[in-house]
């Protein structure tokens, strides 16, 4: 059996780009059958998006994708900052930004609306 993409990456990319704070969809990987899809995303977020918003953004991505893809079983969303700030900016703003934020969510969680950033 050959492993193939379960979802059309271009459609996934278009939906995800509609979520506020998402600047780019770097990678889309999907596998499984039509009624049991597993999705991995690597997305780039807007500069200075707080890490605390990552779960809410991932929830909104999941909500929008479930409308289009009923068989979406699990989804992993990995976040990248839009760009790295110079070290001096980190010190001036007293930010502790991690270059990677990982959120893993089961798509059957209904968490309601998220605060728009």
N, C-alpha and C. Protein backbone atom coordinates (compact mmCIF):
# COMPACT_ATOMS: atom_id res chain seq x y z
N UNK A 1 0.84 -1.18 0.00
CA UNK A 1 0.00 0.00 0.00
C UNK A 1 0.89 1.25 0.00
N UNK A 2 0.55 2.19 -0.84
CA UNK A 2 1.32 3.43 -0.97
C UNK A 2 0.65 4.51 -0.13
N UNK A 3 1.45 5.21 0.65
CA UNK A 3 0.94 6.31 1.45
C UNK A 3 0.77 7.52 0.55
N UNK A 4 -0.41 8.11 0.53
CA UNK A 4 -0.67 9.27 -0.31
C UNK A 4 -1.41 10.33 0.50
N UNK A 5 -1.41 11.56 -0.04
CA UNK A 5 -2.09 12.66 0.64
C UNK A 5 -3.59 12.41 0.64
N UNK A 6 -4.20 12.56 1.81
CA UNK A 6 -5.64 12.34 1.94
C UNK A 6 -6.44 13.60 1.60
N UNK A 7 -5.81 14.77 1.73
CA UNK A 7 -6.48 16.04 1.45
C UNK A 7 -5.73 16.82 0.40
N UNK A 8 -6.44 17.65 -0.33
CA UNK A 8 -5.83 18.53 -1.33
C UNK A 8 -5.11 19.66 -0.58
N UNK A 9 -3.79 19.68 -0.67
CA UNK A 9 -2.99 20.67 0.07
C UNK A 9 -3.34 22.10 -0.32
N UNK A 10 -3.69 22.34 -1.56
CA UNK A 10 -4.03 23.70 -2.00
C UNK A 10 -5.32 24.18 -1.32
N UNK A 11 -6.29 23.29 -1.16
CA UNK A 11 -7.55 23.65 -0.49
C UNK A 11 -7.29 23.90 1.00
N UNK A 12 -6.51 23.03 1.64
CA UNK A 12 -6.15 23.22 3.04
C UNK A 12 -5.45 24.56 3.22
N UNK A 13 -4.48 24.85 2.36
CA UNK A 13 -3.71 26.09 2.44
C UNK A 13 -4.64 27.31 2.34
N UNK A 14 -5.57 27.28 1.40
CA UNK A 14 -6.49 28.40 1.20
C UNK A 14 -7.35 28.64 2.45
N UNK A 15 -7.86 27.58 3.05
CA UNK A 15 -8.68 27.70 4.25
C UNK A 15 -7.87 28.26 5.41
N UNK A 16 -6.68 27.72 5.62
CA UNK A 16 -5.85 28.14 6.76
C UNK A 16 -5.40 29.59 6.61
N UNK A 17 -5.11 30.03 5.39
CA UNK A 17 -4.69 31.41 5.18
C UNK A 17 -5.80 32.42 5.52
N UNK A 18 -7.03 31.96 5.61
CA UNK A 18 -8.13 32.83 6.00
C UNK A 18 -8.24 33.08 7.49
N UNK A 19 -7.45 32.39 8.29
CA UNK A 19 -7.47 32.55 9.74
C UNK A 19 -6.61 33.75 10.13
N UNK A 20 -7.15 34.67 10.94
CA UNK A 20 -6.35 35.83 11.37
C UNK A 20 -5.04 35.39 12.03
N UNK A 21 -4.00 36.14 11.82
CA UNK A 21 -2.64 35.93 12.34
C UNK A 21 -1.82 34.93 11.54
N UNK A 22 -2.42 34.21 10.60
CA UNK A 22 -1.66 33.28 9.76
C UNK A 22 -1.14 34.03 8.55
N UNK A 23 0.18 34.03 8.38
CA UNK A 23 0.79 34.73 7.26
C UNK A 23 1.18 33.79 6.12
N UNK A 24 1.44 32.51 6.43
CA UNK A 24 1.85 31.57 5.39
C UNK A 24 1.60 30.16 5.89
N UNK A 25 1.32 29.28 4.96
CA UNK A 25 1.23 27.85 5.25
C UNK A 25 2.46 27.23 4.59
N UNK A 26 3.42 26.85 5.40
CA UNK A 26 4.71 26.38 4.91
C UNK A 26 4.63 24.93 4.45
N UNK A 27 3.88 24.11 5.16
CA UNK A 27 3.82 22.69 4.83
C UNK A 27 2.47 22.10 5.22
N UNK A 28 1.94 21.23 4.34
CA UNK A 28 0.70 20.50 4.60
C UNK A 28 0.98 19.03 4.33
N UNK A 29 0.77 18.20 5.34
CA UNK A 29 0.92 16.74 5.18
C UNK A 29 -0.36 16.10 5.69
N UNK A 30 -0.95 15.24 4.87
CA UNK A 30 -2.14 14.52 5.32
C UNK A 30 -2.02 13.06 4.91
N UNK A 31 -2.67 12.23 5.70
CA UNK A 31 -2.66 10.79 5.40
C UNK A 31 -3.94 10.19 5.95
N UNK A 32 -4.22 8.99 5.50
CA UNK A 32 -5.39 8.29 5.99
C UNK A 32 -6.45 8.14 4.92
N UNK A 33 -7.61 7.68 5.35
CA UNK A 33 -8.73 7.49 4.44
C UNK A 33 -9.67 8.69 4.53
N UNK A 34 -10.64 8.74 3.66
CA UNK A 34 -11.57 9.87 3.60
C UNK A 34 -12.28 10.13 4.93
N UNK A 35 -12.55 9.06 5.69
CA UNK A 35 -13.27 9.23 6.95
C UNK A 35 -12.37 9.15 8.19
N UNK A 36 -11.05 9.13 7.99
CA UNK A 36 -10.09 9.07 9.10
C UNK A 36 -8.79 9.76 8.68
N UNK A 37 -8.86 11.08 8.56
CA UNK A 37 -7.73 11.87 8.04
C UNK A 37 -6.89 12.40 9.20
N UNK A 38 -5.58 12.31 9.04
CA UNK A 38 -4.62 12.85 10.00
C UNK A 38 -3.82 13.92 9.26
N UNK A 39 -3.76 15.11 9.85
CA UNK A 39 -3.20 16.28 9.19
C UNK A 39 -2.09 16.89 10.03
N UNK A 40 -1.00 17.28 9.37
CA UNK A 40 0.10 18.02 10.01
C UNK A 40 0.30 19.31 9.23
N UNK A 41 0.36 20.42 9.96
CA UNK A 41 0.53 21.73 9.35
C UNK A 41 1.73 22.45 9.95
N UNK A 42 2.44 23.18 9.13
CA UNK A 42 3.47 24.10 9.57
C UNK A 42 3.07 25.46 9.05
N UNK A 43 2.73 26.37 9.97
CA UNK A 43 2.24 27.69 9.58
C UNK A 43 3.12 28.78 10.15
N UNK A 44 3.17 29.90 9.44
CA UNK A 44 3.92 31.07 9.89
C UNK A 44 2.90 32.10 10.37
N UNK A 45 3.13 32.62 11.58
CA UNK A 45 2.19 33.59 12.15
C UNK A 45 2.74 35.01 12.04
N UNK A 46 1.84 35.96 12.23
CA UNK A 46 2.20 37.37 12.16
C UNK A 46 3.24 37.71 13.23
N UNK A 47 4.07 38.70 12.97
CA UNK A 47 5.07 39.11 13.96
C UNK A 47 4.41 39.49 15.28
N UNK A 48 5.06 39.13 16.36
CA UNK A 48 4.64 39.45 17.72
C UNK A 48 3.30 38.83 18.13
N UNK A 49 2.88 37.77 17.44
CA UNK A 49 1.68 37.05 17.89
C UNK A 49 2.05 36.35 19.19
N UNK A 50 1.32 36.61 20.26
CA UNK A 50 1.66 35.99 21.54
C UNK A 50 1.53 34.47 21.50
N UNK A 51 2.44 33.80 22.15
CA UNK A 51 2.42 32.34 22.23
C UNK A 51 1.10 31.88 22.85
N UNK A 52 0.56 32.67 23.76
CA UNK A 52 -0.68 32.32 24.43
C UNK A 52 -1.86 32.17 23.46
N UNK A 53 -1.76 32.75 22.28
CA UNK A 53 -2.83 32.68 21.30
C UNK A 53 -2.74 31.44 20.41
N UNK A 54 -1.68 30.66 20.55
CA UNK A 54 -1.48 29.52 19.65
C UNK A 54 -2.61 28.49 19.73
N UNK A 55 -3.07 28.18 20.91
CA UNK A 55 -4.15 27.19 21.05
C UNK A 55 -5.44 27.70 20.41
N UNK A 56 -5.74 28.98 20.61
CA UNK A 56 -6.95 29.56 20.02
C UNK A 56 -6.86 29.60 18.50
N UNK A 57 -5.69 29.91 17.98
CA UNK A 57 -5.50 29.93 16.53
C UNK A 57 -5.65 28.52 15.98
N UNK A 58 -5.04 27.54 16.65
CA UNK A 58 -5.16 26.15 16.21
C UNK A 58 -6.61 25.68 16.26
N UNK A 59 -7.35 26.09 17.29
CA UNK A 59 -8.78 25.74 17.38
C UNK A 59 -9.55 26.31 16.19
N UNK A 60 -9.26 27.55 15.84
CA UNK A 60 -9.96 28.17 14.70
C UNK A 60 -9.59 27.48 13.39
N UNK A 61 -8.33 27.11 13.23
CA UNK A 61 -7.92 26.36 12.04
C UNK A 61 -8.72 25.05 11.98
N UNK A 62 -8.78 24.34 13.09
CA UNK A 62 -9.52 23.08 13.14
C UNK A 62 -10.99 23.27 12.84
N UNK A 63 -11.60 24.31 13.40
CA UNK A 63 -13.02 24.57 13.17
C UNK A 63 -13.29 24.79 11.68
N UNK A 64 -12.46 25.60 11.05
CA UNK A 64 -12.66 25.89 9.62
C UNK A 64 -12.41 24.67 8.74
N UNK A 65 -11.40 23.88 9.08
CA UNK A 65 -11.10 22.69 8.27
C UNK A 65 -12.16 21.62 8.43
N UNK A 66 -12.74 21.49 9.63
CA UNK A 66 -13.79 20.47 9.84
C UNK A 66 -15.05 20.77 9.03
N UNK A 67 -15.29 22.04 8.73
CA UNK A 67 -16.44 22.39 7.88
C UNK A 67 -16.26 21.78 6.49
N UNK A 68 -15.05 21.83 5.97
CA UNK A 68 -14.75 21.34 4.62
C UNK A 68 -14.47 19.84 4.60
N UNK A 69 -13.80 19.33 5.63
CA UNK A 69 -13.35 17.94 5.64
C UNK A 69 -13.95 17.22 6.85
N UNK A 70 -15.04 16.53 6.65
CA UNK A 70 -15.78 15.88 7.74
C UNK A 70 -14.98 14.73 8.40
N UNK A 71 -14.06 14.11 7.66
CA UNK A 71 -13.31 12.97 8.19
C UNK A 71 -12.03 13.33 8.92
N UNK A 72 -11.83 14.61 9.23
CA UNK A 72 -10.61 15.05 9.90
C UNK A 72 -10.59 14.52 11.33
N UNK A 73 -9.69 13.58 11.61
CA UNK A 73 -9.64 12.92 12.92
C UNK A 73 -8.66 13.61 13.86
N UNK A 74 -7.45 13.88 13.41
CA UNK A 74 -6.45 14.55 14.24
C UNK A 74 -5.72 15.59 13.41
N UNK A 75 -5.18 16.57 14.12
CA UNK A 75 -4.45 17.64 13.45
C UNK A 75 -3.33 18.12 14.37
N UNK A 76 -2.13 18.19 13.84
CA UNK A 76 -0.99 18.78 14.54
C UNK A 76 -0.66 20.09 13.84
N UNK A 77 -0.59 21.16 14.62
CA UNK A 77 -0.24 22.47 14.07
C UNK A 77 1.07 22.91 14.69
N UNK A 78 2.04 23.19 13.86
CA UNK A 78 3.33 23.72 14.31
C UNK A 78 3.41 25.16 13.84
N UNK A 79 3.82 26.06 14.73
CA UNK A 79 3.88 27.48 14.42
C UNK A 79 5.32 27.96 14.28
N UNK A 80 5.52 28.85 13.31
CA UNK A 80 6.78 29.57 13.14
C UNK A 80 6.49 31.06 13.28
N UNK A 81 7.38 31.82 13.88
CA UNK A 81 7.18 33.28 13.87
C UNK A 81 7.39 33.79 12.46
N UNK A 82 6.79 34.93 12.14
CA UNK A 82 6.93 35.51 10.80
C UNK A 82 8.39 35.84 10.50
N UNK A 83 9.10 36.28 11.52
CA UNK A 83 10.53 36.57 11.36
C UNK A 83 11.14 36.61 12.75
N UNK A 84 12.41 36.41 12.79
CA UNK A 84 13.11 36.51 14.07
C UNK A 84 13.44 37.97 14.36
N UNK A 85 13.16 38.41 15.55
CA UNK A 85 13.53 39.76 15.94
C UNK A 85 15.01 39.80 16.29
N UNK A 86 15.67 40.92 16.03
CA UNK A 86 17.05 41.06 16.48
C UNK A 86 17.11 40.95 18.00
N UNK A 87 18.22 40.46 18.52
CA UNK A 87 18.38 40.27 19.95
C UNK A 87 18.08 41.53 20.74
N UNK A 88 18.47 42.67 20.23
CA UNK A 88 18.23 43.93 20.94
C UNK A 88 16.73 44.17 21.13
N UNK A 89 15.91 43.77 20.16
CA UNK A 89 14.47 43.95 20.29
C UNK A 89 13.91 43.05 21.39
N UNK A 90 14.44 41.83 21.48
CA UNK A 90 14.01 40.94 22.56
C UNK A 90 14.28 41.58 23.92
N UNK A 91 15.46 42.17 24.04
CA UNK A 91 15.83 42.80 25.30
C UNK A 91 14.98 44.03 25.58
N UNK A 92 14.79 44.86 24.56
CA UNK A 92 14.01 46.08 24.73
C UNK A 92 12.56 45.79 25.07
N UNK A 93 11.99 44.82 24.41
CA UNK A 93 10.58 44.50 24.63
C UNK A 93 10.39 43.49 25.75
N UNK A 94 11.52 42.96 26.25
CA UNK A 94 11.49 41.94 27.30
C UNK A 94 10.62 40.74 26.90
N UNK A 95 10.83 40.34 25.68
CA UNK A 95 10.08 39.20 25.16
C UNK A 95 10.91 37.94 25.27
N UNK A 96 10.26 36.89 25.55
CA UNK A 96 10.91 35.59 25.51
C UNK A 96 10.17 34.77 24.47
N UNK A 97 10.58 34.92 23.24
CA UNK A 97 9.90 34.25 22.14
C UNK A 97 10.62 32.96 21.78
N UNK A 98 9.90 31.92 21.65
CA UNK A 98 10.45 30.66 21.19
C UNK A 98 10.25 30.60 19.69
N UNK A 99 11.25 30.13 18.94
CA UNK A 99 11.07 30.06 17.49
C UNK A 99 10.03 29.03 17.07
N UNK A 100 9.73 28.07 17.93
CA UNK A 100 8.73 27.05 17.61
C UNK A 100 7.72 26.96 18.73
N UNK A 101 6.48 26.85 18.37
CA UNK A 101 5.42 26.58 19.33
C UNK A 101 4.67 25.39 18.77
N UNK A 102 4.43 24.38 19.59
CA UNK A 102 3.76 23.18 19.12
C UNK A 102 2.43 23.02 19.82
N UNK A 103 1.42 22.82 19.03
CA UNK A 103 0.09 22.56 19.57
C UNK A 103 -0.43 21.31 18.89
N UNK A 104 -0.84 20.35 19.68
CA UNK A 104 -1.45 19.14 19.15
C UNK A 104 -2.88 19.12 19.66
N UNK A 105 -3.80 18.95 18.74
CA UNK A 105 -5.19 18.96 19.17
C UNK A 105 -5.96 17.85 18.49
N UNK A 106 -6.91 17.28 19.20
CA UNK A 106 -7.88 16.36 18.60
C UNK A 106 -8.98 17.24 18.03
N UNK A 107 -9.35 16.98 16.81
CA UNK A 107 -10.30 17.85 16.13
C UNK A 107 -11.73 17.71 16.63
N UNK A 108 -11.99 16.81 17.57
CA UNK A 108 -13.35 16.69 18.06
C UNK A 108 -13.60 17.56 19.29
N UNK A 109 -12.65 18.39 19.66
CA UNK A 109 -12.86 19.30 20.79
C UNK A 109 -13.58 20.55 20.29
N UNK A 110 -14.71 20.86 20.86
CA UNK A 110 -15.41 22.10 20.53
C UNK A 110 -15.12 23.12 21.60
N UNK A 111 -14.38 24.16 21.26
CA UNK A 111 -13.97 25.14 22.27
C UNK A 111 -14.58 26.51 22.05
N UNK A 112 -15.45 26.66 21.09
CA UNK A 112 -16.10 27.96 20.89
C UNK A 112 -15.23 28.95 20.15
N UNK A 113 -15.60 30.18 20.21
CA UNK A 113 -14.91 31.22 19.48
C UNK A 113 -13.62 31.64 20.18
N UNK A 114 -12.71 32.17 19.46
CA UNK A 114 -11.44 32.60 20.01
C UNK A 114 -11.29 34.10 19.84
N UNK A 115 -10.50 34.73 20.69
CA UNK A 115 -10.32 36.17 20.55
C UNK A 115 -9.48 36.48 19.32
N UNK A 116 -9.97 37.38 18.51
CA UNK A 116 -9.24 37.74 17.30
C UNK A 116 -8.05 38.62 17.66
N UNK A 117 -6.93 38.31 17.06
CA UNK A 117 -5.70 39.05 17.37
C UNK A 117 -5.25 39.81 16.17
